[in-house]
Amino acid sequence: MKKGELVTEFNAELAQFVEEMFDSMYAAQGIGLAAPQIAVSKQITVIDISFNENPEDKLVLINPVIIEREGTLYEEEGCLSLPDINEKVKRSGWVKVRAQNVKGEFFEVEGEELLARALQHEIDHLHGVLFIDHLSRLKRDLIIRRIKKLQKNGEW
């Protein structure tokens, strides 16, 4: 995965794409989805840690940047890009992110615990980073070997 390009056009097409991203994320039973995960190399991510239970929890982050971080969490993460692979990852326990909405307006959002992890995880995707990139080389190599074995057996 490579780094996504900055979004410079804020129009109806972008708004429609964002809605399709939410649909795809919910269909895959995820809490976050980044455009590069669906082969669109743009800095767009959607997050909903409520799993579509609370509409006000839906977040659209365009061109997001983490501007502050505090604390440490060491929790298990998974990823729609790597189904059935979960590992403990060290992340900041609280983050503040500056981003744009679908109209191009800047805003800030703060998150702790699950939301902080989701924000960091999805923003990583926008920079070509997977959660396994935060693991030790040994753990990452073991996971990659497991994926290759599954692919060889037609199970991936």
N, C-alpha and C. Protein backbone atom coordinates (compact mmCIF):
# COMPACT_ATOMS: atom_id res chain seq x y z
N MET A 1 0.85 -1.17 0.00
CA MET A 1 0.00 0.00 0.00
C MET A 1 0.90 1.23 0.00
N LYS A 2 0.53 2.23 -0.81
CA LYS A 2 1.34 3.45 -0.85
C LYS A 2 0.58 4.61 -0.22
N LYS A 3 1.30 5.70 0.01
CA LYS A 3 0.70 6.88 0.63
C LYS A 3 -0.38 7.47 -0.28
N GLY A 4 -1.51 7.84 0.31
CA GLY A 4 -2.60 8.44 -0.45
C GLY A 4 -2.31 9.89 -0.78
N GLU A 5 -2.87 10.34 -1.88
CA GLU A 5 -2.70 11.73 -2.29
C GLU A 5 -3.67 12.63 -1.52
N LEU A 6 -3.29 13.89 -1.32
CA LEU A 6 -4.17 14.85 -0.67
C LEU A 6 -5.39 15.10 -1.54
N VAL A 7 -6.53 15.28 -0.89
CA VAL A 7 -7.77 15.59 -1.59
C VAL A 7 -7.82 17.11 -1.78
N THR A 8 -8.07 17.54 -3.01
CA THR A 8 -8.12 18.98 -3.31
C THR A 8 -9.48 19.41 -3.85
N GLU A 9 -10.28 18.45 -4.30
CA GLU A 9 -11.62 18.78 -4.83
C GLU A 9 -12.69 18.25 -3.88
N PHE A 10 -13.52 19.15 -3.40
CA PHE A 10 -14.60 18.80 -2.49
C PHE A 10 -15.91 19.04 -3.22
N ASN A 11 -16.52 17.95 -3.70
CA ASN A 11 -17.71 18.07 -4.54
C ASN A 11 -18.68 16.91 -4.26
N ALA A 12 -19.74 16.85 -5.05
CA ALA A 12 -20.76 15.81 -4.88
C ALA A 12 -20.18 14.42 -5.10
N GLU A 13 -19.24 14.31 -6.00
CA GLU A 13 -18.61 13.01 -6.27
C GLU A 13 -17.87 12.51 -5.03
N LEU A 14 -17.18 13.40 -4.33
CA LEU A 14 -16.49 13.04 -3.10
C LEU A 14 -17.50 12.60 -2.03
N ALA A 15 -18.57 13.37 -1.87
CA ALA A 15 -19.59 13.04 -0.87
C ALA A 15 -20.19 11.66 -1.15
N GLN A 16 -20.44 11.36 -2.42
CA GLN A 16 -20.98 10.05 -2.81
C GLN A 16 -19.98 8.94 -2.50
N PHE A 17 -18.71 9.18 -2.80
CA PHE A 17 -17.67 8.19 -2.52
C PHE A 17 -17.59 7.89 -1.02
N VAL A 18 -17.69 8.93 -0.19
CA VAL A 18 -17.64 8.76 1.26
C VAL A 18 -18.81 7.89 1.73
N GLU A 19 -20.00 8.12 1.19
CA GLU A 19 -21.15 7.29 1.57
C GLU A 19 -20.92 5.84 1.17
N GLU A 20 -20.34 5.62 0.00
CA GLU A 20 -20.03 4.26 -0.46
C GLU A 20 -18.98 3.61 0.45
N MET A 21 -18.05 4.41 0.95
CA MET A 21 -17.05 3.89 1.89
C MET A 21 -17.73 3.41 3.18
N PHE A 22 -18.67 4.20 3.70
CA PHE A 22 -19.40 3.76 4.90
C PHE A 22 -20.14 2.45 4.61
N ASP A 23 -20.83 2.36 3.47
CA ASP A 23 -21.55 1.13 3.11
C ASP A 23 -20.61 -0.06 3.07
N SER A 24 -19.45 0.11 2.45
CA SER A 24 -18.47 -0.98 2.35
C SER A 24 -17.96 -1.37 3.73
N MET A 25 -17.68 -0.38 4.57
CA MET A 25 -17.17 -0.64 5.92
C MET A 25 -18.20 -1.42 6.73
N TYR A 26 -19.47 -0.99 6.69
CA TYR A 26 -20.50 -1.69 7.45
C TYR A 26 -20.70 -3.10 6.91
N ALA A 27 -20.66 -3.27 5.60
CA ALA A 27 -20.83 -4.59 5.00
C ALA A 27 -19.73 -5.55 5.46
N ALA A 28 -18.53 -5.00 5.67
CA ALA A 28 -17.40 -5.82 6.11
C ALA A 28 -17.33 -5.91 7.63
N GLN A 29 -18.30 -5.30 8.33
CA GLN A 29 -18.38 -5.28 9.78
C GLN A 29 -17.13 -4.66 10.43
N GLY A 30 -16.66 -3.57 9.81
CA GLY A 30 -15.51 -2.86 10.35
C GLY A 30 -15.93 -1.59 11.05
N ILE A 31 -14.96 -0.97 11.74
CA ILE A 31 -15.22 0.32 12.41
C ILE A 31 -14.45 1.44 11.72
N GLY A 32 -13.66 1.09 10.70
CA GLY A 32 -12.92 2.10 9.97
C GLY A 32 -12.53 1.56 8.60
N LEU A 33 -12.41 2.48 7.65
CA LEU A 33 -11.99 2.10 6.30
C LEU A 33 -11.28 3.30 5.69
N ALA A 34 -10.13 3.03 5.10
CA ALA A 34 -9.34 4.07 4.43
C ALA A 34 -9.41 3.84 2.93
N ALA A 35 -9.47 4.92 2.17
CA ALA A 35 -9.58 4.82 0.70
C ALA A 35 -8.52 3.90 0.08
N PRO A 36 -7.24 3.95 0.52
CA PRO A 36 -6.25 3.05 -0.09
C PRO A 36 -6.58 1.56 0.08
N GLN A 37 -7.39 1.21 1.09
CA GLN A 37 -7.78 -0.19 1.28
C GLN A 37 -8.69 -0.67 0.16
N ILE A 38 -9.35 0.26 -0.52
CA ILE A 38 -10.23 -0.11 -1.63
C ILE A 38 -9.70 0.45 -2.95
N ALA A 39 -8.37 0.50 -3.01
CA ALA A 39 -7.65 0.86 -4.24
C ALA A 39 -7.89 2.28 -4.73
N VAL A 40 -8.17 3.21 -3.82
CA VAL A 40 -8.29 4.61 -4.16
C VAL A 40 -7.20 5.35 -3.38
N SER A 41 -6.21 5.84 -4.08
CA SER A 41 -5.04 6.43 -3.44
C SER A 41 -5.28 7.90 -3.05
N LYS A 42 -6.21 8.09 -2.12
CA LYS A 42 -6.56 9.42 -1.62
C LYS A 42 -6.56 9.40 -0.10
N GLN A 43 -6.32 10.55 0.51
CA GLN A 43 -6.31 10.65 1.97
C GLN A 43 -7.72 10.87 2.50
N ILE A 44 -8.49 9.79 2.47
CA ILE A 44 -9.87 9.80 2.94
C ILE A 44 -10.06 8.57 3.83
N THR A 45 -10.64 8.77 4.99
CA THR A 45 -10.99 7.64 5.83
C THR A 45 -12.33 7.90 6.51
N VAL A 46 -13.04 6.81 6.78
CA VAL A 46 -14.30 6.89 7.52
C VAL A 46 -14.16 6.00 8.75
N ILE A 47 -14.76 6.43 9.84
CA ILE A 47 -14.70 5.70 11.10
C ILE A 47 -16.06 5.78 11.77
N ASP A 48 -16.49 4.66 12.35
CA ASP A 48 -17.70 4.64 13.17
C ASP A 48 -17.54 3.54 14.21
N ILE A 49 -17.07 3.92 15.40
CA ILE A 49 -16.84 2.91 16.43
C ILE A 49 -18.16 2.40 17.03
N SER A 50 -19.29 3.00 16.66
CA SER A 50 -20.59 2.54 17.17
C SER A 50 -21.19 1.45 16.28
N PHE A 51 -20.51 1.08 15.19
CA PHE A 51 -21.03 0.10 14.23
C PHE A 51 -22.41 0.50 13.70
N ASN A 52 -22.57 1.76 13.34
CA ASN A 52 -23.80 2.28 12.75
C ASN A 52 -24.96 2.37 13.74
N GLU A 53 -24.65 2.39 15.03
CA GLU A 53 -25.69 2.52 16.06
C GLU A 53 -26.01 3.98 16.36
N ASN A 54 -24.99 4.85 16.32
CA ASN A 54 -25.17 6.26 16.63
C ASN A 54 -24.70 7.11 15.45
N PRO A 55 -25.62 7.67 14.68
CA PRO A 55 -25.22 8.46 13.51
C PRO A 55 -24.23 9.58 13.83
N GLU A 56 -24.30 10.13 15.04
CA GLU A 56 -23.38 11.24 15.39
C GLU A 56 -21.94 10.74 15.59
N ASP A 57 -21.75 9.43 15.69
CA ASP A 57 -20.40 8.87 15.83
C ASP A 57 -19.68 8.70 14.49
N LYS A 58 -20.42 8.87 13.39
CA LYS A 58 -19.79 8.72 12.07
C LYS A 58 -18.78 9.84 11.83
N LEU A 59 -17.55 9.44 11.50
CA LEU A 59 -16.49 10.42 11.25
C LEU A 59 -15.99 10.28 9.82
N VAL A 60 -15.86 11.39 9.14
CA VAL A 60 -15.22 11.45 7.84
C VAL A 60 -13.99 12.32 8.01
N LEU A 61 -12.83 11.77 7.70
CA LEU A 61 -11.59 12.50 7.85
C LEU A 61 -10.89 12.58 6.51
N ILE A 62 -10.74 13.77 6.01
CA ILE A 62 -10.08 13.99 4.73
C ILE A 62 -8.79 14.77 5.02
N ASN A 63 -7.69 14.28 4.48
CA ASN A 63 -6.35 14.87 4.71
C ASN A 63 -6.05 15.00 6.20
N PRO A 64 -6.30 13.94 7.01
CA PRO A 64 -6.11 14.06 8.45
C PRO A 64 -4.64 14.04 8.88
N VAL A 65 -4.37 14.76 9.98
CA VAL A 65 -3.04 14.82 10.57
C VAL A 65 -3.20 14.72 12.09
N ILE A 66 -2.42 13.85 12.72
CA ILE A 66 -2.42 13.78 14.18
C ILE A 66 -1.58 14.95 14.68
N ILE A 67 -2.20 15.83 15.47
CA ILE A 67 -1.48 17.03 15.93
C ILE A 67 -1.06 16.94 17.39
N GLU A 68 -1.67 16.04 18.15
CA GLU A 68 -1.27 15.83 19.54
C GLU A 68 -1.52 14.38 19.89
N ARG A 69 -0.69 13.85 20.80
CA ARG A 69 -0.89 12.48 21.29
C ARG A 69 -0.37 12.37 22.71
N GLU A 70 -1.01 11.48 23.48
CA GLU A 70 -0.61 11.26 24.87
C GLU A 70 -0.85 9.81 25.25
N GLY A 71 -0.11 9.35 26.24
CA GLY A 71 -0.33 8.04 26.83
C GLY A 71 -0.01 6.88 25.90
N THR A 72 -0.23 5.69 26.43
CA THR A 72 0.07 4.48 25.68
C THR A 72 -1.02 3.45 25.89
N LEU A 73 -1.43 2.81 24.83
CA LEU A 73 -2.35 1.67 24.86
C LEU A 73 -1.63 0.50 24.21
N TYR A 74 -1.88 -0.68 24.72
CA TYR A 74 -1.34 -1.88 24.10
C TYR A 74 -2.51 -2.85 23.99
N GLU A 75 -3.18 -2.80 22.85
CA GLU A 75 -4.42 -3.56 22.67
C GLU A 75 -4.37 -4.35 21.37
N GLU A 76 -5.23 -5.36 21.29
CA GLU A 76 -5.32 -6.18 20.09
C GLU A 76 -6.03 -5.41 18.97
N GLU A 77 -5.46 -5.51 17.77
CA GLU A 77 -6.06 -4.89 16.60
C GLU A 77 -6.21 -5.92 15.50
N GLY A 78 -7.16 -5.65 14.64
CA GLY A 78 -7.35 -6.43 13.42
C GLY A 78 -7.52 -5.43 12.29
N CYS A 79 -7.71 -5.96 11.09
CA CYS A 79 -7.81 -5.07 9.93
C CYS A 79 -8.59 -5.74 8.82
N LEU A 80 -9.44 -4.97 8.16
CA LEU A 80 -10.20 -5.52 7.03
C LEU A 80 -9.27 -5.97 5.91
N SER A 81 -8.07 -5.37 5.82
CA SER A 81 -7.10 -5.75 4.79
C SER A 81 -6.43 -7.09 5.10
N LEU A 82 -6.44 -7.47 6.37
CA LEU A 82 -5.79 -8.72 6.80
C LEU A 82 -6.77 -9.52 7.66
N PRO A 83 -7.80 -10.10 7.02
CA PRO A 83 -8.82 -10.80 7.80
C PRO A 83 -8.22 -11.94 8.64
N ASP A 84 -8.80 -12.14 9.80
CA ASP A 84 -8.44 -13.22 10.71
C ASP A 84 -7.04 -13.08 11.32
N ILE A 85 -6.45 -11.90 11.22
CA ILE A 85 -5.15 -11.66 11.85
C ILE A 85 -5.34 -10.56 12.88
N ASN A 86 -5.06 -10.91 14.13
CA ASN A 86 -5.18 -9.96 15.24
C ASN A 86 -3.91 -10.04 16.07
N GLU A 87 -3.37 -8.88 16.41
CA GLU A 87 -2.17 -8.82 17.24
C GLU A 87 -2.24 -7.59 18.13
N LYS A 88 -1.55 -7.65 19.26
CA LYS A 88 -1.48 -6.49 20.14
C LYS A 88 -0.52 -5.47 19.54
N VAL A 89 -0.98 -4.21 19.52
CA VAL A 89 -0.21 -3.11 18.94
C VAL A 89 -0.13 -1.98 19.95
N LYS A 90 1.03 -1.36 20.04
CA LYS A 90 1.23 -0.21 20.93
C LYS A 90 0.83 1.06 20.19
N ARG A 91 -0.08 1.82 20.78
CA ARG A 91 -0.58 3.07 20.21
C ARG A 91 -0.66 4.12 21.31
N SER A 92 -0.86 5.36 20.90
CA SER A 92 -1.12 6.42 21.87
C SER A 92 -2.53 6.22 22.42
N GLY A 93 -2.72 6.52 23.72
CA GLY A 93 -4.02 6.34 24.36
C GLY A 93 -5.00 7.46 24.07
N TRP A 94 -4.48 8.60 23.64
CA TRP A 94 -5.32 9.76 23.29
C TRP A 94 -4.65 10.50 22.15
N VAL A 95 -5.45 10.91 21.17
CA VAL A 95 -4.93 11.70 20.06
C VAL A 95 -5.89 12.83 19.71
N LYS A 96 -5.32 13.88 19.13
CA LYS A 96 -6.11 14.97 18.56
C LYS A 96 -5.73 15.02 17.09
N VAL A 97 -6.76 15.03 16.24
CA VAL A 97 -6.56 15.01 14.79
C VAL A 97 -7.19 16.24 14.17
N ARG A 98 -6.48 16.83 13.21
CA ARG A 98 -7.01 17.94 12.41
C ARG A 98 -7.25 17.37 11.01
N ALA A 99 -8.46 17.63 10.49
CA ALA A 99 -8.83 17.08 9.18
C ALA A 99 -9.82 18.02 8.50
N GLN A 100 -10.24 17.62 7.31
CA GLN A 100 -11.28 18.34 6.59
C GLN A 100 -12.50 17.44 6.44
N ASN A 101 -13.67 18.06 6.35
CA ASN A 101 -14.89 17.29 6.10
C ASN A 101 -15.16 17.27 4.59
N VAL A 102 -16.30 16.69 4.18
CA VAL A 102 -16.58 16.55 2.75
C VAL A 102 -16.77 17.90 2.05
N LYS A 103 -16.98 18.97 2.82
CA LYS A 103 -17.11 20.30 2.23
C LYS A 103 -15.77 21.03 2.18
N GLY A 104 -14.72 20.40 2.74
CA GLY A 104 -13.40 21.02 2.75
C GLY A 104 -13.13 21.86 3.98
N GLU A 105 -14.10 21.89 4.92
CA GLU A 105 -13.95 22.68 6.14
C GLU A 105 -13.04 21.95 7.13
N PHE A 106 -12.12 22.69 7.75
CA PHE A 106 -11.22 22.10 8.74
C PHE A 106 -11.94 21.93 10.07
N PHE A 107 -11.60 20.86 10.78
CA PHE A 107 -12.13 20.62 12.13
C PHE A 107 -11.11 19.78 12.89
N GLU A 108 -11.31 19.68 14.19
CA GLU A 108 -10.46 18.83 15.03
C GLU A 108 -11.34 17.85 15.77
N VAL A 109 -10.80 16.67 15.98
CA VAL A 109 -11.49 15.63 16.74
C VAL A 109 -10.48 15.00 17.69
N GLU A 110 -10.97 14.72 18.92
CA GLU A 110 -10.13 14.06 19.91
C GLU A 110 -10.70 12.67 20.15
N GLY A 111 -9.82 11.73 20.41
CA GLY A 111 -10.30 10.39 20.71
C GLY A 111 -9.40 9.72 21.72
N GLU A 112 -10.02 8.87 22.54
CA GLU A 112 -9.24 8.07 23.47
C GLU A 112 -9.66 6.61 23.33
N GLU A 113 -8.81 5.73 23.80
CA GLU A 113 -9.03 4.29 23.77
C GLU A 113 -9.39 3.80 22.37
N LEU A 114 -10.59 3.20 22.18
CA LEU A 114 -10.92 2.61 20.89
C LEU A 114 -10.90 3.64 19.76
N LEU A 115 -11.46 4.83 20.01
CA LEU A 115 -11.46 5.85 18.95
C LEU A 115 -10.03 6.30 18.64
N ALA A 116 -9.19 6.44 19.66
CA ALA A 116 -7.79 6.82 19.42
C ALA A 116 -7.10 5.77 18.56
N ARG A 117 -7.33 4.50 18.87
CA ARG A 117 -6.72 3.43 18.07
C ARG A 117 -7.23 3.45 16.64
N ALA A 118 -8.54 3.62 16.48
CA ALA A 118 -9.12 3.65 15.12
C ALA A 118 -8.56 4.81 14.32
N LEU A 119 -8.46 5.98 14.94
CA LEU A 119 -7.90 7.15 14.24
C LEU A 119 -6.47 6.87 13.78
N GLN A 120 -5.65 6.35 14.69
CA GLN A 120 -4.25 6.08 14.34
C GLN A 120 -4.14 4.99 13.27
N HIS A 121 -4.93 3.94 13.42
CA HIS A 121 -4.92 2.82 12.48
C HIS A 121 -5.29 3.29 11.07
N GLU A 122 -6.37 4.05 10.96
CA GLU A 122 -6.83 4.48 9.64
C GLU A 122 -5.89 5.53 9.03
N ILE A 123 -5.39 6.43 9.84
CA ILE A 123 -4.44 7.43 9.32
C ILE A 123 -3.16 6.73 8.86
N ASP A 124 -2.75 5.67 9.57
CA ASP A 124 -1.61 4.87 9.09
C ASP A 124 -1.86 4.38 7.67
N HIS A 125 -3.05 3.85 7.41
CA HIS A 125 -3.37 3.35 6.06
C HIS A 125 -3.15 4.44 5.00
N LEU A 126 -3.48 5.67 5.34
CA LEU A 126 -3.34 6.77 4.39
C LEU A 126 -1.88 7.06 4.06
N HIS A 127 -1.00 6.53 4.91
CA HIS A 127 0.44 6.72 4.70
C HIS A 127 1.13 5.41 4.31
N GLY A 128 0.33 4.42 3.91
CA GLY A 128 0.89 3.16 3.43
C GLY A 128 1.38 2.25 4.53
N VAL A 129 0.87 2.41 5.74
CA VAL A 129 1.32 1.61 6.88
C VAL A 129 0.19 0.70 7.36
N LEU A 130 0.50 -0.58 7.56
CA LEU A 130 -0.45 -1.54 8.12
C LEU A 130 -0.14 -1.74 9.60
N PHE A 131 -1.12 -2.22 10.36
CA PHE A 131 -0.88 -2.39 11.79
C PHE A 131 0.25 -3.38 12.06
N ILE A 132 0.47 -4.35 11.17
CA ILE A 132 1.55 -5.31 11.38
C ILE A 132 2.93 -4.64 11.25
N ASP A 133 2.98 -3.46 10.63
CA ASP A 133 4.24 -2.73 10.53
C ASP A 133 4.70 -2.21 11.90
N HIS A 134 3.79 -2.20 12.88
CA HIS A 134 4.13 -1.77 14.23
C HIS A 134 4.62 -2.93 15.10
N LEU A 135 4.59 -4.14 14.56
CA LEU A 135 5.01 -5.32 15.32
C LEU A 135 6.51 -5.53 15.18
N SER A 136 7.02 -6.41 16.02
CA SER A 136 8.44 -6.77 15.89
C SER A 136 8.64 -7.45 14.54
N ARG A 137 9.86 -7.42 14.06
CA ARG A 137 10.17 -8.04 12.77
C ARG A 137 9.81 -9.53 12.79
N LEU A 138 10.11 -10.20 13.89
CA LEU A 138 9.81 -11.63 14.00
C LEU A 138 8.31 -11.90 13.87
N LYS A 139 7.49 -11.15 14.64
CA LYS A 139 6.04 -11.35 14.57
C LYS A 139 5.51 -11.05 13.17
N ARG A 140 6.00 -9.97 12.58
CA ARG A 140 5.56 -9.58 11.24
C ARG A 140 5.93 -10.67 10.22
N ASP A 141 7.16 -11.19 10.31
CA ASP A 141 7.59 -12.26 9.39
C ASP A 141 6.74 -13.51 9.54
N LEU A 142 6.38 -13.85 10.78
CA LEU A 142 5.53 -15.02 11.02
C LEU A 142 4.15 -14.83 10.38
N ILE A 143 3.60 -13.64 10.51
CA ILE A 143 2.29 -13.34 9.92
C ILE A 143 2.37 -13.40 8.40
N ILE A 144 3.41 -12.82 7.83
CA ILE A 144 3.57 -12.84 6.37
C ILE A 144 3.71 -14.27 5.87
N ARG A 145 4.46 -15.10 6.60
CA ARG A 145 4.59 -16.51 6.22
C ARG A 145 3.23 -17.21 6.27
N ARG A 146 2.45 -16.91 7.32
CA ARG A 146 1.12 -17.51 7.46
C ARG A 146 0.21 -17.10 6.30
N ILE A 147 0.28 -15.82 5.92
CA ILE A 147 -0.53 -15.33 4.79
C ILE A 147 -0.12 -16.04 3.50
N LYS A 148 1.20 -16.17 3.27
CA LYS A 148 1.68 -16.84 2.05
C LYS A 148 1.22 -18.29 2.00
N LYS A 149 1.24 -18.97 3.16
CA LYS A 149 0.77 -20.35 3.22
C LYS A 149 -0.72 -20.43 2.89
N LEU A 150 -1.50 -19.51 3.46
CA LEU A 150 -2.94 -19.48 3.17
C LEU A 150 -3.19 -19.20 1.70
N GLN A 151 -2.41 -18.29 1.11
CA GLN A 151 -2.56 -17.98 -0.31
C GLN A 151 -2.22 -19.19 -1.17
N LYS A 152 -1.16 -19.89 -0.82
CA LYS A 152 -0.73 -21.07 -1.55
C LYS A 152 -1.81 -22.15 -1.53
N ASN A 153 -2.49 -22.26 -0.38
CA ASN A 153 -3.55 -23.25 -0.24
C ASN A 153 -4.90 -22.76 -0.75
N GLY A 154 -4.93 -21.54 -1.31
CA GLY A 154 -6.19 -20.99 -1.83
C GLY A 154 -7.18 -20.59 -0.78
N GLU A 155 -6.70 -20.37 0.44
CA GLU A 155 -7.59 -20.01 1.54
C GLU A 155 -7.59 -18.51 1.82
N TRP A 156 -6.88 -17.71 1.02
CA TRP A 156 -6.77 -16.27 1.26
C TRP A 156 -7.18 -15.53 0.02
